[in-house]
PDB file of N, CA and C in Angstrom:
ATOM      1  N   MET A   1       0.839  -1.182   0.000  1.00  0.00           N
ATOM      2  CA  MET A   1       0.000   0.000   0.000  1.00  0.00           C
ATOM      3  C   MET A   1       0.890   1.253   0.000  1.00  0.00           C
ATOM      4  N   GLU A   2       0.583   2.189  -0.873  1.00  0.00           N
ATOM      5  CA  GLU A   2       1.347   3.421  -0.974  1.00  0.00           C
ATOM      6  C   GLU A   2       0.915   4.391   0.118  1.00  0.00           C
ATOM      7  N   LYS A   3       1.877   4.998   0.772  1.00  0.00           N
ATOM      8  CA  LYS A   3       1.605   5.945   1.845  1.00  0.00           C
ATOM      9  C   LYS A   3       1.373   7.337   1.280  1.00  0.00           C
ATOM     10  N   ASN A   4       0.446   8.067   1.906  1.00  0.00           N
ATOM     11  CA  ASN A   4       0.104   9.420   1.490  1.00  0.00           C
ATOM     12  C   ASN A   4       1.057  10.424   2.146  1.00  0.00           C
ATOM     13  N   VAL A   5       1.767  11.206   1.335  1.00  0.00           N
ATOM     14  CA  VAL A   5       2.656  12.247   1.845  1.00  0.00           C
ATOM     15  C   VAL A   5       1.806  13.464   2.186  1.00  0.00           C
ATOM     16  N   ILE A   6       1.885  13.896   3.438  1.00  0.00           N
ATOM     17  CA  ILE A   6       1.123  15.063   3.891  1.00  0.00           C
ATOM     18  C   ILE A   6       1.905  16.352   3.656  1.00  0.00           C
ATOM     19  N   LEU A   7       3.200  16.307   3.970  1.00  0.00           N
ATOM     20  CA  LEU A   7       4.063  17.473   3.854  1.00  0.00           C
ATOM     21  C   LEU A   7       5.380  17.021   3.228  1.00  0.00           C
ATOM     22  N   SER A   8       5.829  17.756   2.229  1.00  0.00           N
ATOM     23  CA  SER A   8       7.079  17.416   1.558  1.00  0.00           C
ATOM     24  C   SER A   8       7.953  18.662   1.490  1.00  0.00           C
ATOM     25  N   VAL A   9       9.142  18.566   2.038  1.00  0.00           N
ATOM     26  CA  VAL A   9      10.090  19.683   2.061  1.00  0.00           C
ATOM     27  C   VAL A   9      11.268  19.308   1.175  1.00  0.00           C
ATOM     28  N   ARG A  10      11.642  20.212   0.283  1.00  0.00           N
ATOM     29  CA  ARG A  10      12.734  19.951  -0.637  1.00  0.00           C
ATOM     30  C   ARG A  10      13.736  21.092  -0.624  1.00  0.00           C
ATOM     31  N   ASP A  11      14.967  20.764  -0.225  1.00  0.00           N
ATOM     32  CA  ASP A  11      16.098  21.688  -0.273  1.00  0.00           C
ATOM     33  C   ASP A  11      15.811  23.043   0.387  1.00  0.00           C
ATOM     34  N   LEU A  12      15.182  23.013   1.554  1.00  0.00           N
ATOM     35  CA  LEU A  12      14.817  24.239   2.269  1.00  0.00           C
ATOM     36  C   LEU A  12      16.066  24.967   2.785  1.00  0.00           C
ATOM     37  N   VAL A  13      16.117  26.263   2.496  1.00  0.00           N
ATOM     38  CA  VAL A  13      17.183  27.134   2.993  1.00  0.00           C
ATOM     39  C   VAL A  13      16.508  28.320   3.677  1.00  0.00           C
ATOM     40  N   VAL A  14      16.874  28.561   4.946  1.00  0.00           N
ATOM     41  CA  VAL A  14      16.301  29.665   5.710  1.00  0.00           C
ATOM     42  C   VAL A  14      17.442  30.545   6.203  1.00  0.00           C
ATOM     43  N   LYS A  15      17.270  31.852   6.009  1.00  0.00           N
ATOM     44  CA  LYS A  15      18.303  32.807   6.417  1.00  0.00           C
ATOM     45  C   LYS A  15      17.692  33.913   7.268  1.00  0.00           C
ATOM     46  N   PHE A  16      18.564  34.600   8.002  1.00  0.00           N
ATOM     47  CA  PHE A  16      18.153  35.716   8.857  1.00  0.00           C
ATOM     48  C   PHE A  16      19.089  36.898   8.639  1.00  0.00           C
ATOM     49  N   HIS A  17      18.501  38.100   8.656  1.00  0.00           N
ATOM     50  CA  HIS A  17      19.293  39.326   8.672  1.00  0.00           C
ATOM     51  C   HIS A  17      19.672  39.577  10.129  1.00  0.00           C
ATOM     52  N   VAL A  18      20.969  39.551  10.433  1.00  0.00           N
ATOM     53  CA  VAL A  18      21.444  39.750  11.798  1.00  0.00           C
ATOM     54  C   VAL A  18      22.627  40.707  11.783  1.00  0.00           C
ATOM     55  N   ARG A  19      22.477  41.874  12.406  1.00  0.00           N
ATOM     56  CA  ARG A  19      23.563  42.858  12.539  1.00  0.00           C
ATOM     57  C   ARG A  19      24.311  43.097  11.227  1.00  0.00           C
ATOM     58  N   ASP A  20      23.609  43.523  10.224  1.00  0.00           N
ATOM     59  CA  ASP A  20      24.192  43.858   8.913  1.00  0.00           C
ATOM     60  C   ASP A  20      24.830  42.670   8.204  1.00  0.00           C
ATOM     61  N   ARG A  21      24.462  41.465   8.623  1.00  0.00           N
ATOM     62  CA  ARG A  21      24.955  40.252   7.956  1.00  0.00           C
ATOM     63  C   ARG A  21      23.769  39.343   7.678  1.00  0.00           C
ATOM     64  N   ILE A  22      23.997  38.349   6.853  1.00  0.00           N
ATOM     65  CA  ILE A  22      22.974  37.329   6.613  1.00  0.00           C
ATOM     66  C   ILE A  22      23.492  36.015   7.165  1.00  0.00           C
ATOM     67  N   LEU A  23      22.717  35.444   8.093  1.00  0.00           N
ATOM     68  CA  LEU A  23      23.067  34.183   8.736  1.00  0.00           C
ATOM     69  C   LEU A  23      22.218  33.071   8.137  1.00  0.00           C
ATOM     70  N   THR A  24      22.844  31.992   7.696  1.00  0.00           N
ATOM     71  CA  THR A  24      22.111  30.840   7.182  1.00  0.00           C
ATOM     72  C   THR A  24      21.823  29.901   8.344  1.00  0.00           C
ATOM     73  N   ALA A  25      20.541  29.718   8.654  1.00  0.00           N
ATOM     74  CA  ALA A  25      20.133  28.879   9.783  1.00  0.00           C
ATOM     75  C   ALA A  25      19.799  27.457   9.349  1.00  0.00           C
ATOM     76  N   ILE A  26      19.242  27.297   8.165  1.00  0.00           N
ATOM     77  CA  ILE A  26      18.859  25.986   7.623  1.00  0.00           C
ATOM     78  C   ILE A  26      19.475  25.859   6.242  1.00  0.00           C
ATOM     79  N   ARG A  27      20.163  24.741   6.000  1.00  0.00           N
ATOM     80  CA  ARG A  27      20.825  24.523   4.710  1.00  0.00           C
ATOM     81  C   ARG A  27      20.312  23.244   4.055  1.00  0.00           C
ATOM     82  N   ASN A  28      19.550  23.387   2.992  1.00  0.00           N
ATOM     83  CA  ASN A  28      19.153  22.268   2.121  1.00  0.00           C
ATOM     84  C   ASN A  28      18.550  21.068   2.857  1.00  0.00           C
ATOM     85  N   ILE A  29      17.540  21.326   3.686  1.00  0.00           N
ATOM     86  CA  ILE A  29      16.837  20.257   4.396  1.00  0.00           C
ATOM     87  C   ILE A  29      15.743  19.698   3.487  1.00  0.00           C
ATOM     88  N   SER A  30      15.627  18.386   3.443  1.00  0.00           N
ATOM     89  CA  SER A  30      14.545  17.717   2.717  1.00  0.00           C
ATOM     90  C   SER A  30      13.946  16.649   3.620  1.00  0.00           C
ATOM     91  N   LEU A  31      12.618  16.528   3.590  1.00  0.00           N
ATOM     92  CA  LEU A  31      11.938  15.491   4.364  1.00  0.00           C
ATOM     93  C   LEU A  31      10.538  15.288   3.817  1.00  0.00           C
ATOM     94  N   ASP A  32       9.970  14.127   4.139  1.00  0.00           N
ATOM     95  CA  ASP A  32       8.570  13.834   3.826  1.00  0.00           C
ATOM     96  C   ASP A  32       7.885  13.402   5.110  1.00  0.00           C
ATOM     97  N   LEU A  33       6.690  13.924   5.340  1.00  0.00           N
ATOM     98  CA  LEU A  33       5.863  13.533   6.475  1.00  0.00           C
ATOM     99  C   LEU A  33       4.671  12.770   5.915  1.00  0.00           C
ATOM    100  N   TYR A  34       4.505  11.524   6.377  1.00  0.00           N
ATOM    101  CA  TYR A  34       3.465  10.644   5.852  1.00  0.00           C
ATOM    102  C   TYR A  34       2.263  10.574   6.779  1.00  0.00           C
ATOM    103  N   GLU A  35       1.093  10.388   6.181  1.00  0.00           N
ATOM    104  CA  GLU A  35      -0.147  10.221   6.934  1.00  0.00           C
ATOM    105  C   GLU A  35      -0.024   9.046   7.897  1.00  0.00           C
ATOM    106  N   ASN A  36      -0.529   9.225   9.122  1.00  0.00           N
ATOM    107  CA  ASN A  36      -0.540   8.206  10.175  1.00  0.00           C
ATOM    108  C   ASN A  36       0.844   7.788  10.639  1.00  0.00           C
ATOM    109  N   GLU A  37       1.840   8.615  10.421  1.00  0.00           N
ATOM    110  CA  GLU A  37       3.178   8.338  10.928  1.00  0.00           C
ATOM    111  C   GLU A  37       3.645   9.534  11.753  1.00  0.00           C
ATOM    112  N   THR A  38       4.613   9.301  12.600  1.00  0.00           N
ATOM    113  CA  THR A  38       5.180  10.357  13.436  1.00  0.00           C
ATOM    114  C   THR A  38       6.605  10.619  12.976  1.00  0.00           C
ATOM    115  N   LEU A  39       6.943  11.877  12.870  1.00  0.00           N
ATOM    116  CA  LEU A  39       8.294  12.271  12.508  1.00  0.00           C
ATOM    117  C   LEU A  39       8.900  13.009  13.691  1.00  0.00           C
ATOM    118  N   ALA A  40      10.030  12.545  14.186  1.00  0.00           N
ATOM    119  CA  ALA A  40      10.731  13.213  15.278  1.00  0.00           C
ATOM    120  C   ALA A  40      11.883  14.020  14.704  1.00  0.00           C
ATOM    121  N   ILE A  41      11.965  15.273  15.090  1.00  0.00           N
ATOM    122  CA  ILE A  41      13.053  16.137  14.659  1.00  0.00           C
ATOM    123  C   ILE A  41      13.877  16.412  15.913  1.00  0.00           C
ATOM    124  N   VAL A  42      15.101  15.913  15.921  1.00  0.00           N
ATOM    125  CA  VAL A  42      15.958  16.047  17.106  1.00  0.00           C
ATOM    126  C   VAL A  42      17.259  16.736  16.732  1.00  0.00           C
ATOM    127  N   GLY A  43      17.851  17.386  17.703  1.00  0.00           N
ATOM    128  CA  GLY A  43      19.128  18.037  17.487  1.00  0.00           C
ATOM    129  C   GLY A  43      19.476  18.910  18.674  1.00  0.00           C
ATOM    130  N   GLU A  44      20.676  19.378  18.690  1.00  0.00           N
ATOM    131  CA  GLU A  44      21.145  20.238  19.766  1.00  0.00           C
ATOM    132  C   GLU A  44      20.379  21.547  19.775  1.00  0.00           C
ATOM    133  N   SER A  45      20.405  22.214  20.909  1.00  0.00           N
ATOM    134  CA  SER A  45      19.828  23.544  21.030  1.00  0.00           C
ATOM    135  C   SER A  45      20.523  24.457  20.017  1.00  0.00           C
ATOM    136  N   GLY A  46      19.722  25.208  19.266  1.00  0.00           N
ATOM    137  CA  GLY A  46      20.283  26.109  18.267  1.00  0.00           C
ATOM    138  C   GLY A  46      20.563  25.474  16.921  1.00  0.00           C
ATOM    139  N   SER A  47      20.169  24.208  16.747  1.00  0.00           N
ATOM    140  CA  SER A  47      20.470  23.529  15.481  1.00  0.00           C
ATOM    141  C   SER A  47      19.464  23.839  14.371  1.00  0.00           C
ATOM    142  N   GLY A  48      18.352  24.510  14.704  1.00  0.00           N
ATOM    143  CA  GLY A  48      17.403  24.921  13.673  1.00  0.00           C
ATOM    144  C   GLY A  48      16.077  24.186  13.659  1.00  0.00           C
ATOM    145  N   LYS A  49      15.804  23.353  14.647  1.00  0.00           N
ATOM    146  CA  LYS A  49      14.548  22.581  14.677  1.00  0.00           C
ATOM    147  C   LYS A  49      13.324  23.506  14.678  1.00  0.00           C
ATOM    148  N   THR A  50      13.317  24.477  15.572  1.00  0.00           N
ATOM    149  CA  THR A  50      12.181  25.389  15.679  1.00  0.00           C
ATOM    150  C   THR A  50      12.089  26.285  14.452  1.00  0.00           C
ATOM    151  N   VAL A  51      13.206  26.773  13.971  1.00  0.00           N
ATOM    152  CA  VAL A  51      13.207  27.609  12.759  1.00  0.00           C
ATOM    153  C   VAL A  51      12.594  26.838  11.602  1.00  0.00           C
ATOM    154  N   MET A  52      12.999  25.581  11.432  1.00  0.00           N
ATOM    155  CA  MET A  52      12.470  24.783  10.331  1.00  0.00           C
ATOM    156  C   MET A  52      10.956  24.616  10.447  1.00  0.00           C
ATOM    157  N   THR A  53      10.480  24.248  11.636  1.00  0.00           N
ATOM    158  CA  THR A  53       9.038  24.008  11.768  1.00  0.00           C
ATOM    159  C   THR A  53       8.225  25.296  11.682  1.00  0.00           C
ATOM    160  N   LYS A  54       8.816  26.422  12.038  1.00  0.00           N
ATOM    161  CA  LYS A  54       8.104  27.699  11.884  1.00  0.00           C
ATOM    162  C   LYS A  54       7.838  28.017  10.416  1.00  0.00           C
ATOM    163  N   THR A  55       8.661  27.500   9.517  1.00  0.00           N
ATOM    164  CA  THR A  55       8.421  27.749   8.088  1.00  0.00           C
ATOM    165  C   THR A  55       7.142  27.060   7.610  1.00  0.00           C
ATOM    166  N   PHE A  56       6.713  26.011   8.318  1.00  0.00           N
ATOM    167  CA  PHE A  56       5.505  25.278   7.916  1.00  0.00           C
ATOM    168  C   PHE A  56       4.229  26.049   8.237  1.00  0.00           C
ATOM    169  N   THR A  57       4.335  27.072   9.082  1.00  0.00           N
ATOM    170  CA  THR A  57       3.157  27.856   9.468  1.00  0.00           C
ATOM    171  C   THR A  57       3.338  29.347   9.217  1.00  0.00           C
ATOM    172  N   GLY A  58       4.404  29.721   8.539  1.00  0.00           N
ATOM    173  CA  GLY A  58       4.636  31.130   8.235  1.00  0.00           C
ATOM    174  C   GLY A  58       4.923  31.958   9.462  1.00  0.00           C
ATOM    175  N   MET A  59       5.590  31.372  10.457  1.00  0.00           N
ATOM    176  CA  MET A  59       5.815  32.062  11.718  1.00  0.00           C
ATOM    177  C   MET A  59       7.274  32.447  11.958  1.00  0.00           C
ATOM    178  N   LEU A  60       8.053  32.579  10.891  1.00  0.00           N
ATOM    179  CA  LEU A  60       9.435  33.032  11.058  1.00  0.00           C
ATOM    180  C   LEU A  60       9.445  34.455  11.613  1.00  0.00           C
ATOM    181  N   GLU A  61      10.466  34.782  12.386  1.00  0.00           N
ATOM    182  CA  GLU A  61      10.618  36.138  12.878  1.00  0.00           C
ATOM    183  C   GLU A  61      10.748  37.091  11.687  1.00  0.00           C
ATOM    184  N   SER A  62      10.509  38.365  11.919  1.00  0.00           N
ATOM    185  CA  SER A  62      10.484  39.331  10.814  1.00  0.00           C
ATOM    186  C   SER A  62      11.818  39.450  10.083  1.00  0.00           C
ATOM    187  N   ASN A  63      12.915  39.115  10.729  1.00  0.00           N
ATOM    188  CA  ASN A  63      14.215  39.202  10.054  1.00  0.00           C
ATOM    189  C   ASN A  63      14.595  37.899   9.337  1.00  0.00           C
ATOM    190  N   GLY A  64      13.715  36.900   9.393  1.00  0.00           N
ATOM    191  CA  GLY A  64      13.971  35.622   8.739  1.00  0.00           C
ATOM    192  C   GLY A  64      13.251  35.506   7.409  1.00  0.00           C
ATOM    193  N   PHE A  65      13.807  34.674   6.521  1.00  0.00           N
ATOM    194  CA  PHE A  65      13.166  34.465   5.225  1.00  0.00           C
ATOM    195  C   PHE A  65      13.602  33.131   4.626  1.00  0.00           C
ATOM    196  N   ILE A  66      12.729  32.575   3.799  1.00  0.00           N
ATOM    197  CA  ILE A  66      13.050  31.355   3.067  1.00  0.00           C
ATOM    198  C   ILE A  66      13.826  31.770   1.828  1.00  0.00           C
ATOM    199  N   ALA A  67      15.092  31.352   1.766  1.00  0.00           N
ATOM    200  CA  ALA A  67      15.974  31.757   0.672  1.00  0.00           C
ATOM    201  C   ALA A  67      15.981  30.756  -0.473  1.00  0.00           C
ATOM    202  N   GLY A  68      15.412  29.562  -0.236  1.00  0.00           N
ATOM    203  CA  GLY A  68      15.395  28.565  -1.285  1.00  0.00           C
ATOM    204  C   GLY A  68      14.616  27.345  -0.856  1.00  0.00           C
ATOM    205  N   GLY A  69      14.246  26.547  -1.818  1.00  0.00           N
ATOM    206  CA  GLY A  69      13.538  25.312  -1.550  1.00  0.00           C
ATOM    207  C   GLY A  69      12.036  25.450  -1.645  1.00  0.00           C
ATOM    208  N   LYS A  70      11.374  24.333  -1.396  1.00  0.00           N
ATOM    209  CA  LYS A  70       9.917  24.261  -1.514  1.00  0.00           C
ATOM    210  C   LYS A  70       9.365  23.479  -0.328  1.00  0.00           C
ATOM    211  N   ILE A  71       8.144  23.845   0.077  1.00  0.00           N
ATOM    212  CA  ILE A  71       7.418  23.141   1.132  1.00  0.00           C
ATOM    213  C   ILE A  71       6.036  22.846   0.570  1.00  0.00           C
ATOM    214  N   PHE A  72       5.794  21.599   0.184  1.00  0.00           N
ATOM    215  CA  PHE A  72       4.518  21.244  -0.432  1.00  0.00           C
ATOM    216  C   PHE A  72       3.545  20.698   0.606  1.00  0.00           C
ATOM    217  N   PHE A  73       2.350  21.280   0.623  1.00  0.00           N
ATOM    218  CA  PHE A  73       1.259  20.843   1.486  1.00  0.00           C
ATOM    219  C   PHE A  73      -0.030  20.996   0.698  1.00  0.00           C
ATOM    220  N   GLU A  74      -0.759  19.899   0.555  1.00  0.00           N
ATOM    221  CA  GLU A  74      -2.009  19.887  -0.215  1.00  0.00           C
ATOM    222  C   GLU A  74      -1.827  20.494  -1.603  1.00  0.00           C
ATOM    223  N   GLY A  75      -0.712  20.153  -2.253  1.00  0.00           N
ATOM    224  CA  GLY A  75      -0.466  20.596  -3.618  1.00  0.00           C
ATOM    225  C   GLY A  75      -0.012  22.036  -3.753  1.00  0.00           C
ATOM    226  N   ARG A  76       0.244  22.691  -2.645  1.00  0.00           N
ATOM    227  CA  ARG A  76       0.634  24.100  -2.665  1.00  0.00           C
ATOM    228  C   ARG A  76       2.029  24.268  -2.066  1.00  0.00           C
ATOM    229  N   ASP A  77       2.792  25.190  -2.636  1.00  0.00           N
ATOM    230  CA  ASP A  77       4.124  25.480  -2.108  1.00  0.00           C
ATOM    231  C   ASP A  77       4.008  26.544  -1.026  1.00  0.00           C
ATOM    232  N   LEU A  78       4.104  26.118   0.247  1.00  0.00           N
ATOM    233  CA  LEU A  78       3.982  27.046   1.360  1.00  0.00           C
ATOM    234  C   LEU A  78       5.110  28.077   1.371  1.00  0.00           C
ATOM    235  N   ALA A  79       6.249  27.732   0.803  1.00  0.00           N
ATOM    236  CA  ALA A  79       7.383  28.664   0.768  1.00  0.00           C
ATOM    237  C   ALA A  79       7.074  29.888  -0.085  1.00  0.00           C
ATOM    238  N   ALA A  80       6.080  29.793  -0.941  1.00  0.00           N
ATOM    239  CA  ALA A  80       5.733  30.903  -1.826  1.00  0.00           C
ATOM    240  C   ALA A  80       4.682  31.841  -1.220  1.00  0.00           C
ATOM    241  N   ILE A  81       4.111  31.485  -0.079  1.00  0.00           N
ATOM    242  CA  ILE A  81       3.092  32.330   0.555  1.00  0.00           C
ATOM    243  C   ILE A  81       3.770  33.525   1.199  1.00  0.00           C
ATOM    244  N   THR A  82       3.262  34.709   0.893  1.00  0.00           N
ATOM    245  CA  THR A  82       3.889  35.928   1.400  1.00  0.00           C
ATOM    246  C   THR A  82       2.980  36.751   2.313  1.00  0.00           C
ATOM    247  N   SER A  83       1.682  36.528   2.284  1.00  0.00           N
ATOM    248  CA  SER A  83       0.800  37.371   3.096  1.00  0.00           C
ATOM    249  C   SER A  83       0.257  36.616   4.311  1.00  0.00           C
ATOM    250  N   ASN A  84       0.112  37.351   5.396  1.00  0.00           N
ATOM    251  CA  ASN A  84      -0.442  36.777   6.618  1.00  0.00           C
ATOM    252  C   ASN A  84      -1.883  36.318   6.387  1.00  0.00           C
ATOM    253  N   LYS A  85      -2.605  37.018   5.530  1.00  0.00           N
ATOM    254  CA  LYS A  85      -3.995  36.652   5.228  1.00  0.00           C
ATOM    255  C   LYS A  85      -4.074  35.243   4.619  1.00  0.00           C
ATOM    256  N   GLU A  86      -3.124  34.914   3.746  1.00  0.00           N
ATOM    257  CA  GLU A  86      -3.075  33.571   3.167  1.00  0.00           C
ATOM    258  C   GLU A  86      -2.711  32.535   4.230  1.00  0.00           C
ATOM    259  N   TRP A  87      -1.763  32.893   5.120  1.00  0.00           N
ATOM    260  CA  TRP A  87      -1.355  31.967   6.178  1.00  0.00           C
ATOM    261  C   TRP A  87      -2.499  31.686   7.140  1.00  0.00           C
ATOM    262  N   GLU A  88      -3.382  32.651   7.366  1.00  0.00           N
ATOM    263  CA  GLU A  88      -4.490  32.467   8.303  1.00  0.00           C
ATOM    264  C   GLU A  88      -5.446  31.359   7.851  1.00  0.00           C
ATOM    265  N   LYS A  89      -5.460  31.046   6.572  1.00  0.00           N
ATOM    266  CA  LYS A  89      -6.297  29.953   6.052  1.00  0.00           C
ATOM    267  C   LYS A  89      -5.689  28.587   6.347  1.00  0.00           C
ATOM    268  N   ILE A  90      -4.414  28.569   6.703  1.00  0.00           N
ATOM    269  CA  ILE A  90      -3.693  27.317   6.949  1.00  0.00           C
ATOM    270  C   ILE A  90      -3.334  27.164   8.431  1.00  0.00           C
ATOM    271  N   ARG A  91      -2.757  28.222   8.996  1.00  0.00           N
ATOM    272  CA  ARG A  91      -2.225  28.207  10.363  1.00  0.00           C
ATOM    273  C   ARG A  91      -3.334  27.975  11.388  1.00  0.00           C
ATOM    274  N   GLY A  92      -3.180  26.906  12.171  1.00  0.00           N
ATOM    275  CA  GLY A  92      -4.142  26.598  13.216  1.00  0.00           C
ATOM    276  C   GLY A  92      -5.363  25.838  12.718  1.00  0.00           C
ATOM    277  N   ILE A  93      -5.578  25.843  11.414  1.00  0.00           N
ATOM    278  CA  ILE A  93      -6.717  25.137  10.830  1.00  0.00           C
ATOM    279  C   ILE A  93      -6.255  23.826  10.194  1.00  0.00           C
ATOM    280  N   LYS A  94      -5.195  23.901   9.414  1.00  0.00           N
ATOM    281  CA  LYS A  94      -4.667  22.717   8.733  1.00  0.00           C
ATOM    282  C   LYS A  94      -3.329  22.268   9.293  1.00  0.00           C
ATOM    283  N   ILE A  95      -2.524  23.225   9.740  1.00  0.00           N
ATOM    284  CA  ILE A  95      -1.234  22.933  10.360  1.00  0.00           C
ATOM    285  C   ILE A  95      -1.154  23.743  11.650  1.00  0.00           C
ATOM    286  N   ALA A  96      -0.767  23.084  12.725  1.00  0.00           N
ATOM    287  CA  ALA A  96      -0.647  23.777  14.004  1.00  0.00           C
ATOM    288  C   ALA A  96       0.706  23.480  14.632  1.00  0.00           C
ATOM    289  N   THR A  97       1.092  24.330  15.548  1.00  0.00           N
ATOM    290  CA  THR A  97       2.355  24.181  16.250  1.00  0.00           C
ATOM    291  C   THR A  97       2.096  24.080  17.742  1.00  0.00           C
ATOM    292  N   VAL A  98       2.716  23.115  18.385  1.00  0.00           N
ATOM    293  CA  VAL A  98       2.734  23.045  19.846  1.00  0.00           C
ATOM    294  C   VAL A  98       4.151  23.426  20.246  1.00  0.00           C
ATOM    295  N   PHE A  99       4.283  24.586  20.857  1.00  0.00           N
ATOM    296  CA  PHE A  99       5.609  25.073  21.212  1.00  0.00           C
ATOM    297  C   PHE A  99       6.188  24.302  22.387  1.00  0.00           C
ATOM    298  N   GLN A 100       7.487  24.436  22.607  1.00  0.00           N
ATOM    299  CA  GLN A 100       8.197  23.653  23.604  1.00  0.00           C
ATOM    300  C   GLN A 100       7.704  23.891  25.020  1.00  0.00           C
ATOM    301  N   ASP A 101       7.239  25.076  25.328  1.00  0.00           N
ATOM    302  CA  ASP A 101       6.759  25.372  26.672  1.00  0.00           C
ATOM    303  C   ASP A 101       5.275  25.039  26.760  1.00  0.00           C
ATOM    304  N   PRO A 102       4.903  23.892  27.348  1.00  0.00           N
ATOM    305  CA  PRO A 102       3.508  23.478  27.363  1.00  0.00           C
ATOM    306  C   PRO A 102       2.599  24.416  28.152  1.00  0.00           C
ATOM    307  N   MET A 103       3.135  25.141  29.116  1.00  0.00           N
ATOM    308  CA  MET A 103       2.300  26.041  29.915  1.00  0.00           C
ATOM    309  C   MET A 103       1.792  27.221  29.100  1.00  0.00           C
ATOM    310  N   SER A 104       2.520  27.609  28.070  1.00  0.00           N
ATOM    311  CA  SER A 104       2.079  28.741  27.261  1.00  0.00           C
ATOM    312  C   SER A 104       1.341  28.300  26.000  1.00  0.00           C
ATOM    313  N   SER A 105       1.413  27.023  25.657  1.00  0.00           N
ATOM    314  CA  SER A 105       0.801  26.595  24.400  1.00  0.00           C
ATOM    315  C   SER A 105      -0.366  25.633  24.567  1.00  0.00           C
ATOM    316  N   LEU A 106      -0.510  25.037  25.744  1.00  0.00           N
ATOM    317  CA  LEU A 106      -1.592  24.078  25.961  1.00  0.00           C
ATOM    318  C   LEU A 106      -2.511  24.556  27.086  1.00  0.00           C
ATOM    319  N   ASN A 107      -3.775  24.197  26.983  1.00  0.00           N
ATOM    320  CA  ASN A 107      -4.778  24.553  27.986  1.00  0.00           C
ATOM    321  C   ASN A 107      -4.880  23.417  29.003  1.00  0.00           C
ATOM    322  N   PRO A 108      -4.535  23.659  30.270  1.00  0.00           N
ATOM    323  CA  PRO A 108      -4.539  22.585  31.254  1.00  0.00           C
ATOM    324  C   PRO A 108      -5.942  22.051  31.588  1.00  0.00           C
ATOM    325  N   ILE A 109      -6.970  22.744  31.186  1.00  0.00           N
ATOM    326  CA  ILE A 109      -8.341  22.313  31.467  1.00  0.00           C
ATOM    327  C   ILE A 109      -8.840  21.288  30.454  1.00  0.00           C
ATOM    328  N   ARG A 110      -8.314  21.360  29.234  1.00  0.00           N
ATOM    329  CA  ARG A 110      -8.738  20.445  28.165  1.00  0.00           C
ATOM    330  C   ARG A 110      -7.783  19.258  28.069  1.00  0.00           C
ATOM    331  N   SER A 111      -8.288  18.146  27.555  1.00  0.00           N
ATOM    332  CA  SER A 111      -7.427  16.964  27.386  1.00  0.00           C
ATOM    333  C   SER A 111      -6.412  17.227  26.275  1.00  0.00           C
ATOM    334  N   ILE A 112      -5.253  16.604  26.400  1.00  0.00           N
ATOM    335  CA  ILE A 112      -4.196  16.771  25.386  1.00  0.00           C
ATOM    336  C   ILE A 112      -4.678  16.278  24.027  1.00  0.00           C
ATOM    337  N   GLY A 113      -5.436  15.185  24.018  1.00  0.00           N
ATOM    338  CA  GLY A 113      -5.946  14.635  22.751  1.00  0.00           C
ATOM    339  C   GLY A 113      -6.826  15.621  22.005  1.00  0.00           C
ATOM    340  N   SER A 114      -7.716  16.293  22.709  1.00  0.00           N
ATOM    341  CA  SER A 114      -8.612  17.247  22.040  1.00  0.00           C
ATOM    342  C   SER A 114      -7.842  18.459  21.512  1.00  0.00           C
ATOM    343  N   GLN A 115      -6.763  18.844  22.210  1.00  0.00           N
ATOM    344  CA  GLN A 115      -5.977  19.995  21.765  1.00  0.00           C
ATOM    345  C   GLN A 115      -5.129  19.673  20.540  1.00  0.00           C
ATOM    346  N   ILE A 116      -4.596  18.470  20.477  1.00  0.00           N
ATOM    347  CA  ILE A 116      -3.761  18.099  19.353  1.00  0.00           C
ATOM    348  C   ILE A 116      -4.600  17.837  18.113  1.00  0.00           C
ATOM    349  N   THR A 117      -5.758  17.193  18.276  1.00  0.00           N
ATOM    350  CA  THR A 117      -6.596  16.941  17.107  1.00  0.00           C
ATOM    351  C   THR A 117      -7.286  18.214  16.681  1.00  0.00           C
TER     352      THR A 117
END
């Protein structure tokens, strides 16, 4: 049985404007996320895990930008989205982020299952 690819990232490059320089935070990352599977992204602090996942929801800091590559979701290249209005149709509705600090991102009154789904 062929698995359905939900998210496909190809040669993603993310850069930041920092103190009159350009810093490359992500260099040529590629991955596929399949339906009904879990993908773990691990690495040292500062290795780019959060920066990479922020590109999936258009939540890069204002000095950050996608310098290359493609992020395909539902047949659309998310890397090409430039307006917050377009991101609002995806962010939180089709793709969501649970940040590392659970106290600021999760509601302790609701079950974890209901919040993730």
